[in-house]
Structures are given as C-alpha cells and as structure tokens.
Amino acid sequence: MSNINITQENLIKKLKKKLSSCIPIKISKTITYCLLRNWLFQGVALMHWTELVFRETLELFLIIILWLIFSNWFGSLIAGILSFLLVHTLMWTFNGHFWALKISEDVRLIKNAPERIKGYIAGLEQRLDRSGSITACVFSGSLTRGQFHQYSDLDVWFTKRRGFLNGLWAYALGVRERSIAFLQKIPIELSFYNPDDYVGEDSDETLLLVKDVKGRWKNVEPSSIYLSDYQLNEMEFFNRN
C-alpha cells in the first residue's frame, strides 16, 4: 500500500501489540478475538486525525442521547455501559471496515465476486459526482497492482473540501459510504487523506483516481491513472491464479 503519514498510527499499533501480548496465542488466533479487537479499535489507526475527532465526537453525542433515554429505566452506570456498547457496535457495523476484517492471515469474512465489486465501483462514481464536499477519491493497494483476488479489500481514500462545514458533510458521507459497503458486502477500507499526507507510492503500484478536482493528487503523483480512462466492464483486476 502507498505510504501515508498518519499521526496516531504507531501509537495504535503499540496498543494492539501490547494487547496481543497479554492474550494466549490459542485465543488470539480465534475469530472471536479478531472480531473483538476489530470492534474495539475500529480502524482508528488509519484515520486522519480530523476524522478521528469527528468520529469520537459523533460517538460521544450518540452515547449521551441514549444514556439520557436509558436513564429512565436503569441506573446511571448501567445506562452508560449499555449506551456505549450499543453505539460502539453500531459504529463498528455501519461506520467501520467490517467485511475487510481478516479472520486469518489471508482470509476475510467475505469472498469477493467480480460483478459485485464492479457494480460497487460504478455506484461509487455516481455518488461522488453528486458530492461537492468530497474533492477526490483514490484507489490504492492490491487493486492498483493487478493483484486483487477473492479475499482482497478495496483501499479507498477520500479528500474533503476545505472548510469546517464541508468537512462535517464529507465525513457524514464517509459514514454513508461505509454503510453502503456494509450492506453490499464490500470489503472496503475507506480513509480520508489529503495529498499533503502522501509520502510516496510502492514501486509496483499506480494510484487509480476515481475523482480528482483540480488534479491535486495527479500533481503529487504524476503516474496516477484516471478511472475514466478505462471501460469498467472490461477492467480485469481479479487475479484468477
């Protein structure tokens, strides 16, 4: 995957490593543990810090709302615990990378089907055309290396338009997009990055630009290719070997 400068990535990796060191190997290899760890961290290691603030603020707001409701039937502590568990689970389901979760080294929760992936990409293009707050959409990873297979995930980067309100709306659209991917069983890892965060691509990877207003990503990585230069129905990105 191309290199992106992420502020909290090393810290989250250290926390995950510390957690894994406290868990017996037999347990750490189980699907239950993988689900639990994914539920706990929910992809925050790869989030831009601005989206991380948005996400945690949204989650806290929803927890407070539910806490106020549950407090009518339960004590404050029980209401708080129930509110956190429910909201955190809903965020994990509809605003996480659920189908991209690996249950073993090379296996994910869902197998990719070529037509389903192509259909999702076509729908994503249409949704982005209607969005003024998201100025760029970039594919990276195995798709752009010609190595996409039945257990690959889609590495997608969004770039938001500058401005506080534009940022809020863009992150809300990110929630919508992850929800769509969840309902369509698409293994997506969607993150918000700016071209300024980009520190270079892998030698065997060419970024694929779905949208790039004013060519900002094209400027920082001239070898990038626009998806519009392809006929999507003829795009052979599945490694069938």
Foldseek 3Di string as FASTA:
>chain_A
DFDFAADCQVVVVVVVVVVVVVDDPVVCLALVNLVVVCLVCQQPNQAHVVLVVVVVVVLVVQLVVQLVVCVVPDPSVVSSVVSNVVSSVVCSQQVGQQQLRASHDQATPFWDDLVLVLVLLVVVLVVVVPDPQWAWKKWKDLLQLLADAGNDATEIETETDDDDVSVSVVSVVSSVSSNVCSVSSHRYDYYYDDCVRGDGGDPRGAMEISGHVPCRNCVSPVSHHYPVVDDSVPDNSYDPD
